[in-house]
Amino acid sequence: MPDSTLLFIHGTGVRSESYAQTLKQIEAKVAEFHLPCTVASCPWGDVYGIDFEGLSLPEPPVRDADEEAQAYRWEYLQIDPLFDLRLWCTPAAEPPRKIVGEKPAAQILWEATISKYIDASSQHIALKELLESNQIEPFFAPAWNKVVATGLPTQAFAAAGNEGPDVSRVFAEAVVAQMMHDAAQSQPPVPISPRTGYKIIAILLLDWKQAALLRPSQSRCDLRHTLVSTVRQIVYSKARIFSWYH
C-alpha cells in the first residue's frame, strides 16, 4: 500500500504557535502507530486570517503592561536589530557540557536547517504569501543576509547549548527588526507593523519546527539569561524614557 498524505488544516481563530503544538501531537501519534502516511501542514491563519483589532467593541482595547513593554522593545530593536542576538553571545556562567565528537543541539539546528533556509525561501509558501501580501518581500533576504553577515547567529547558536527554540526566536526577531529598520529607511518609507512582524516570526519558527518546543513561561536560572533579562530591562526602560522626552 503506497504512503498517503495526511493534510492537517486548522479552523478559524488558529494561528501558527497553537497550530504547531497540535501538529506535533499528530506527527507523534502517526509515528507511534506506524501509520503509512506523511503528515503535511497547511498553516493559513497567519497569512489569510483576519486580525482582530477590537474595532467592534464599545471601547477600544487598552494595552496592558506586557503589551506596552513589547511595543517599546520593538521600537528599540528597530534602532539596534542585533541587540538581543548579541546578548546570546555572552558566555554562560556554566557553559553547556560538551561531549567530544558531538555538537550542541542548537548548533546542529543552525548548521543543518536554519542557515540554509534562505536558499529555498521562495519554496516556503506561507512566508512568501505573507511577504507578498504586505508588499515587503524585497526586504526579507537583504535583512537576513545583513544579520548573518555579522557572524552573531553562528556564535549565538553555538553558545545556546540545547536551547535551540529560544535562540531561534531571537534570530527571527533580529531579521524582522532589520527588515523594519531597512523598510523605514527606504524611499518612500514602508511601514512594517509589529503585528506583521510577529506573523513572520511565527511562520519561521513553524518552518524550522521550533514553534511547538518553545516554553515562554520557563524560568531561566543561567547567569547569562539573568544578565540578558537585566540588560533588556535597563535598555528598554531608558528607551521608554527617551521616547517620553522626545
Foldseek 3Di string as FASTA:
>chain_A
DAAAEDEDDDDAPDALLVVLQVLVVVVVVCVVVVPRYHYDYDGCCLQPNDDDQQPPPPDGDDDDPVRVLVVLLLVVCLVVLCVLLQLLLPAWPDFDDDDPPDAFPLLCLCVVPVVCCLVCVVVLVRLVSLCVVLVLVVLQVVLLCVLVVVVSLNSNSRRCRHPNLVSLLSSLSSSLSSSQNVQCVDVVRRHDDVSSSVNNSSSSCSVSSSSNVDDVVDDDPIPSVVVSVVVSVVVSVVSVVVVVVD
